[in-house]
N, C-alpha and C. Protein backbone atom coordinates (compact mmCIF):
# COMPACT_ATOMS: atom_id res chain seq x y z
N MET A 1 74.02 71.33 79.65
CA MET A 1 74.04 71.43 81.14
C MET A 1 73.21 70.37 81.83
N ARG A 2 72.08 70.03 81.29
CA ARG A 2 71.18 69.09 81.85
C ARG A 2 71.79 67.66 81.84
N ILE A 3 72.45 67.28 80.81
CA ILE A 3 73.08 65.97 80.72
C ILE A 3 74.25 66.02 81.82
N TYR A 4 75.01 67.02 81.90
CA TYR A 4 76.10 67.07 82.95
C TYR A 4 75.56 66.96 84.23
N ARG A 5 74.46 67.65 84.64
CA ARG A 5 73.89 67.55 85.84
C ARG A 5 73.38 66.19 86.19
N HIS A 6 72.85 65.47 85.23
CA HIS A 6 72.39 64.15 85.45
C HIS A 6 73.61 63.16 85.78
N LYS A 7 74.67 63.40 85.07
CA LYS A 7 75.87 62.61 85.38
C LYS A 7 76.46 62.90 86.72
N LEU A 8 76.32 64.16 87.10
CA LEU A 8 76.85 64.54 88.50
C LEU A 8 76.03 63.88 89.58
N VAL A 9 74.74 63.98 89.40
CA VAL A 9 73.72 63.26 90.37
C VAL A 9 74.09 61.73 90.45
N ARG A 10 74.27 61.14 89.23
CA ARG A 10 74.60 59.69 89.27
C ARG A 10 75.97 59.41 89.89
N TYR A 11 76.92 60.32 89.73
CA TYR A 11 78.15 60.16 90.27
C TYR A 11 78.10 60.27 91.82
N ALA A 12 77.38 61.22 92.39
CA ALA A 12 77.16 61.41 93.86
C ALA A 12 76.49 60.20 94.34
N ARG A 13 75.51 59.65 93.63
CA ARG A 13 74.82 58.42 94.09
C ARG A 13 75.91 57.27 94.29
N GLU A 14 76.73 57.11 93.23
CA GLU A 14 77.69 56.12 93.28
C GLU A 14 78.75 56.34 94.42
N MET A 15 79.16 57.58 94.76
CA MET A 15 80.04 57.93 95.71
C MET A 15 79.39 57.59 97.09
N ARG A 16 78.02 57.72 97.24
CA ARG A 16 77.39 57.37 98.54
C ARG A 16 77.49 55.86 98.74
N LYS A 17 77.43 55.11 97.72
CA LYS A 17 77.52 53.60 97.76
C LYS A 17 78.96 53.13 98.09
N ASN A 18 79.88 53.92 97.65
CA ASN A 18 81.28 53.49 97.83
C ASN A 18 82.12 54.54 98.71
N MET A 19 81.67 54.90 99.85
CA MET A 19 82.44 55.79 100.65
C MET A 19 83.80 55.26 101.09
N THR A 20 84.76 56.20 101.28
CA THR A 20 86.07 55.71 101.68
C THR A 20 85.90 55.26 103.20
N GLU A 21 87.00 54.57 103.63
CA GLU A 21 86.97 54.15 105.03
C GLU A 21 86.88 55.36 106.03
N GLU A 22 87.57 56.46 105.61
CA GLU A 22 87.43 57.57 106.53
C GLU A 22 86.06 58.21 106.57
N GLU A 23 85.41 58.31 105.35
CA GLU A 23 84.02 58.81 105.20
C GLU A 23 83.11 57.90 106.01
N ARG A 24 83.24 56.69 105.92
CA ARG A 24 82.29 55.74 106.56
C ARG A 24 82.47 55.89 108.15
N LYS A 25 83.72 56.05 108.58
CA LYS A 25 83.86 56.26 110.05
C LYS A 25 83.22 57.52 110.52
N LEU A 26 83.49 58.59 109.84
CA LEU A 26 82.90 59.93 110.36
C LEU A 26 81.38 59.83 110.19
N TRP A 27 80.85 59.31 109.20
CA TRP A 27 79.42 59.08 108.99
C TRP A 27 78.69 58.25 110.08
N TYR A 28 79.25 57.05 110.21
CA TYR A 28 78.56 56.09 111.16
C TYR A 28 78.90 56.34 112.63
N VAL A 29 79.98 56.87 112.90
CA VAL A 29 80.48 56.98 114.20
C VAL A 29 80.05 58.31 114.79
N CYS A 30 79.89 59.25 113.98
CA CYS A 30 79.63 60.64 114.41
C CYS A 30 78.36 61.34 113.82
N LEU A 31 78.37 61.58 112.54
CA LEU A 31 77.40 62.47 111.94
C LEU A 31 75.97 61.92 112.07
N VAL A 32 75.75 60.63 111.84
CA VAL A 32 74.34 60.13 111.87
C VAL A 32 73.78 60.24 113.30
N LYS A 33 74.71 60.40 114.29
CA LYS A 33 74.14 60.36 115.74
C LYS A 33 73.80 61.77 116.18
N LEU A 34 74.13 62.76 115.39
CA LEU A 34 73.89 64.08 115.87
C LEU A 34 72.46 64.52 115.67
N PRO A 35 72.11 65.59 116.54
CA PRO A 35 70.62 66.04 116.50
C PRO A 35 70.46 66.96 115.29
N VAL A 36 71.31 67.21 114.51
CA VAL A 36 71.10 67.97 113.22
C VAL A 36 71.31 66.95 112.05
N LYS A 37 70.63 67.18 111.02
CA LYS A 37 70.70 66.28 109.84
C LYS A 37 71.86 66.63 108.86
N PHE A 38 72.64 65.61 108.66
CA PHE A 38 73.65 65.67 107.50
C PHE A 38 73.18 64.81 106.38
N VAL A 39 73.61 65.19 105.17
CA VAL A 39 73.49 64.22 103.92
C VAL A 39 74.78 64.00 103.38
N ARG A 40 74.94 62.88 102.66
CA ARG A 40 76.20 62.56 102.12
C ARG A 40 76.14 62.84 100.63
N GLN A 41 77.36 63.31 100.13
CA GLN A 41 77.64 63.51 98.66
C GLN A 41 76.56 64.44 98.12
N ARG A 42 76.37 65.68 98.59
CA ARG A 42 75.48 66.66 98.15
C ARG A 42 76.01 67.48 96.96
N GLU A 43 75.33 67.64 95.89
CA GLU A 43 75.65 68.41 94.73
C GLU A 43 75.30 69.88 94.91
N PHE A 44 76.24 70.75 94.55
CA PHE A 44 76.08 72.19 94.48
C PHE A 44 76.77 72.60 93.26
N GLY A 45 75.89 73.13 92.34
CA GLY A 45 76.49 73.56 91.04
C GLY A 45 77.18 72.42 90.34
N ASP A 46 78.45 72.69 90.11
CA ASP A 46 79.34 71.61 89.44
C ASP A 46 80.05 70.77 90.44
N TYR A 47 79.77 70.94 91.65
CA TYR A 47 80.62 70.28 92.80
C TYR A 47 79.80 69.39 93.64
N ILE A 48 80.50 68.50 94.27
CA ILE A 48 79.89 67.58 95.23
C ILE A 48 80.66 67.66 96.63
N VAL A 49 80.06 67.83 97.64
CA VAL A 49 80.66 67.81 99.00
C VAL A 49 80.38 66.55 99.67
N ASP A 50 81.29 66.12 100.52
CA ASP A 50 81.31 64.90 101.24
C ASP A 50 80.03 64.72 102.09
N PHE A 51 79.90 65.78 103.04
CA PHE A 51 78.81 65.76 103.95
C PHE A 51 78.27 67.26 104.13
N TYR A 52 76.97 67.35 104.12
CA TYR A 52 76.39 68.73 104.28
C TYR A 52 75.22 68.65 105.22
N CYS A 53 75.26 69.80 106.05
CA CYS A 53 74.10 70.10 107.04
C CYS A 53 73.50 71.33 106.60
N ALA A 54 72.29 71.37 106.05
CA ALA A 54 71.54 72.49 105.46
C ALA A 54 71.16 73.34 106.60
N GLU A 55 70.87 72.86 107.68
CA GLU A 55 70.41 73.65 108.82
C GLU A 55 71.53 74.71 109.25
N ARG A 56 72.73 74.27 109.26
CA ARG A 56 73.83 75.03 109.62
C ARG A 56 74.75 75.63 108.37
N LYS A 57 74.37 75.19 107.26
CA LYS A 57 74.98 75.57 106.01
C LYS A 57 76.48 75.23 106.17
N LEU A 58 76.76 73.97 106.64
CA LEU A 58 78.17 73.56 106.85
C LEU A 58 78.48 72.30 106.02
N ALA A 59 79.48 72.39 105.21
CA ALA A 59 79.95 71.26 104.43
C ALA A 59 81.28 70.69 105.12
N ILE A 60 81.37 69.38 105.14
CA ILE A 60 82.52 68.73 105.72
C ILE A 60 83.15 67.87 104.58
N GLU A 61 84.48 68.08 104.48
CA GLU A 61 85.28 67.45 103.44
C GLU A 61 86.26 66.61 104.09
N ILE A 62 86.50 65.33 103.60
CA ILE A 62 87.50 64.47 104.12
C ILE A 62 88.56 64.34 102.92
N ASP A 63 89.73 64.88 103.15
CA ASP A 63 90.68 64.99 101.97
C ASP A 63 91.78 63.91 102.11
N GLY A 64 91.86 63.21 100.89
CA GLY A 64 93.01 62.29 100.73
C GLY A 64 94.21 62.96 100.24
N THR A 65 95.13 62.26 99.85
CA THR A 65 96.43 62.85 99.38
C THR A 65 96.39 63.75 98.14
N GLN A 66 95.52 63.48 97.26
CA GLN A 66 95.33 64.24 96.05
C GLN A 66 94.98 65.68 96.28
N HIS A 67 94.38 65.94 97.48
CA HIS A 67 94.01 67.33 97.78
C HIS A 67 95.16 68.14 98.26
N PHE A 68 96.29 67.60 98.51
CA PHE A 68 97.54 68.26 98.89
C PHE A 68 98.47 68.43 97.81
N GLU A 69 98.15 68.02 96.53
CA GLU A 69 98.94 68.34 95.51
C GLU A 69 98.52 69.64 94.84
N THR A 70 99.37 70.30 94.06
CA THR A 70 99.02 71.59 93.47
C THR A 70 97.59 71.62 92.75
N ALA A 71 97.38 70.68 91.85
CA ALA A 71 96.09 70.71 91.11
C ALA A 71 94.94 70.48 92.11
N GLY A 72 95.01 69.70 93.03
CA GLY A 72 94.02 69.40 94.03
C GLY A 72 93.76 70.63 94.82
N GLU A 73 94.79 71.35 95.32
CA GLU A 73 94.65 72.57 96.10
C GLU A 73 93.94 73.62 95.29
N LYS A 74 94.36 73.80 94.02
CA LYS A 74 93.68 74.82 93.16
C LYS A 74 92.19 74.54 93.03
N TYR A 75 91.90 73.28 92.78
CA TYR A 75 90.53 72.84 92.49
C TYR A 75 89.64 73.07 93.79
N ASP A 76 90.29 72.77 94.97
CA ASP A 76 89.59 72.93 96.15
C ASP A 76 89.34 74.38 96.54
N LEU A 77 90.25 75.24 96.21
CA LEU A 77 90.11 76.61 96.37
C LEU A 77 88.98 77.25 95.57
N LYS A 78 88.98 76.88 94.28
CA LYS A 78 87.87 77.29 93.43
C LYS A 78 86.58 76.73 93.99
N ARG A 79 86.49 75.55 94.36
CA ARG A 79 85.25 74.98 94.90
C ARG A 79 84.79 75.73 96.16
N ASP A 80 85.78 75.81 97.05
CA ASP A 80 85.45 76.50 98.31
C ASP A 80 84.87 77.89 98.15
N GLU A 81 85.49 78.66 97.17
CA GLU A 81 85.03 80.04 96.90
C GLU A 81 83.67 79.95 96.42
N PHE A 82 83.29 79.09 95.52
CA PHE A 82 81.96 78.89 95.01
C PHE A 82 80.94 78.67 96.12
N LEU A 83 81.27 77.62 96.98
CA LEU A 83 80.50 77.29 98.10
C LEU A 83 80.31 78.44 99.06
N ASN A 84 81.41 79.19 99.32
CA ASN A 84 81.30 80.36 100.23
C ASN A 84 80.37 81.34 99.77
N ARG A 85 80.38 81.59 98.42
CA ARG A 85 79.49 82.61 97.82
C ARG A 85 77.97 82.13 98.01
N GLN A 86 77.77 80.84 98.20
CA GLN A 86 76.42 80.37 98.49
C GLN A 86 76.12 80.46 99.97
N GLY A 87 77.03 80.93 100.77
CA GLY A 87 76.82 81.09 102.23
C GLY A 87 77.16 79.79 102.95
N ILE A 88 77.92 78.86 102.29
CA ILE A 88 78.32 77.60 102.95
C ILE A 88 79.59 77.68 103.49
N THR A 89 79.88 77.29 104.72
CA THR A 89 81.14 77.19 105.34
C THR A 89 81.68 75.79 105.05
N VAL A 90 82.88 75.76 104.63
CA VAL A 90 83.54 74.45 104.33
C VAL A 90 84.60 74.14 105.34
N VAL A 91 84.55 72.92 105.88
CA VAL A 91 85.48 72.49 106.90
C VAL A 91 86.18 71.25 106.35
N ARG A 92 87.54 71.23 106.45
CA ARG A 92 88.28 70.12 105.89
C ARG A 92 89.07 69.38 106.93
N TYR A 93 89.10 68.03 106.85
CA TYR A 93 89.86 67.13 107.68
C TYR A 93 90.52 66.29 106.74
N SER A 94 91.86 65.92 107.05
CA SER A 94 92.55 64.93 106.32
C SER A 94 92.20 63.45 106.68
N ASN A 95 92.51 62.59 105.84
CA ASN A 95 92.37 61.15 106.14
C ASN A 95 93.16 60.82 107.45
N LEU A 96 94.37 61.39 107.49
CA LEU A 96 95.20 61.26 108.65
C LEU A 96 94.52 61.74 109.96
N GLN A 97 93.87 62.92 109.97
CA GLN A 97 93.25 63.34 111.12
C GLN A 97 92.14 62.39 111.56
N ILE A 98 91.36 61.79 110.53
CA ILE A 98 90.38 60.87 110.92
C ILE A 98 90.95 59.63 111.62
N HIS A 99 92.07 59.20 111.12
CA HIS A 99 92.67 58.01 111.68
C HIS A 99 93.34 58.30 113.09
N ARG A 100 94.08 59.41 113.18
CA ARG A 100 94.81 59.64 114.38
C ARG A 100 94.28 60.60 115.32
N GLU A 101 93.30 61.51 114.93
CA GLU A 101 92.80 62.53 115.89
C GLU A 101 91.24 62.48 115.80
N PHE A 102 90.63 61.36 115.72
CA PHE A 102 89.24 61.27 115.48
C PHE A 102 88.42 62.03 116.57
N GLU A 103 88.79 61.90 117.84
CA GLU A 103 88.04 62.59 118.89
C GLU A 103 88.13 64.06 118.73
N ALA A 104 89.32 64.57 118.35
CA ALA A 104 89.47 66.05 118.12
C ALA A 104 88.71 66.49 116.98
N VAL A 105 88.57 65.67 115.87
CA VAL A 105 87.72 66.02 114.77
C VAL A 105 86.24 66.08 115.20
N LYS A 106 85.73 65.11 115.89
CA LYS A 106 84.48 65.09 116.43
C LYS A 106 84.15 66.37 117.25
N ALA A 107 85.07 66.68 118.21
CA ALA A 107 84.91 67.83 119.08
C ALA A 107 84.87 69.16 118.24
N ASP A 108 85.64 69.24 117.21
CA ASP A 108 85.65 70.46 116.31
C ASP A 108 84.28 70.57 115.61
N ILE A 109 83.77 69.41 115.13
CA ILE A 109 82.47 69.49 114.46
C ILE A 109 81.34 69.93 115.41
N LEU A 110 81.40 69.34 116.64
CA LEU A 110 80.36 69.73 117.60
C LEU A 110 80.47 71.15 117.87
N GLN A 111 81.74 71.63 118.06
CA GLN A 111 81.87 73.09 118.31
C GLN A 111 81.29 74.04 117.22
N ARG A 112 81.63 73.56 115.95
CA ARG A 112 81.22 74.44 114.84
C ARG A 112 79.62 74.42 114.71
N LEU A 113 79.04 73.27 115.20
CA LEU A 113 77.58 73.18 115.13
C LEU A 113 76.92 73.69 116.33
N GLY A 114 77.65 74.27 117.34
CA GLY A 114 77.18 74.78 118.56
C GLY A 114 76.53 73.69 119.41
N LEU A 115 77.06 72.48 119.26
CA LEU A 115 76.46 71.32 120.18
C LEU A 115 77.40 70.90 121.18
N GLU A 116 78.48 71.59 121.51
CA GLU A 116 79.42 71.15 122.46
C GLU A 116 78.87 71.21 123.90
């Protein structure tokens, strides 16, 4: 388990360096400017979440097309159940929502954080 954990941490670090276009947009245009702190690519057990706010126990996921295939949906369900058992709320937005409905995504995040 220790070797696996080390690989997961290394993978999360690599993901922080190579964020997707949609992740970069949400991070730099919205999340870093909020009065609550978010971190990128946070590990929980065997999973990594895109963005996490410990103060509000809120995880934000930006989903590409693979998340809408059967295998991706099953994996996400299992992961979300694990995170929910830890008291973490998971919110998902698609890449398309980031591109086409960015203001609505930002407004939804602010509402969930109680910052509207």
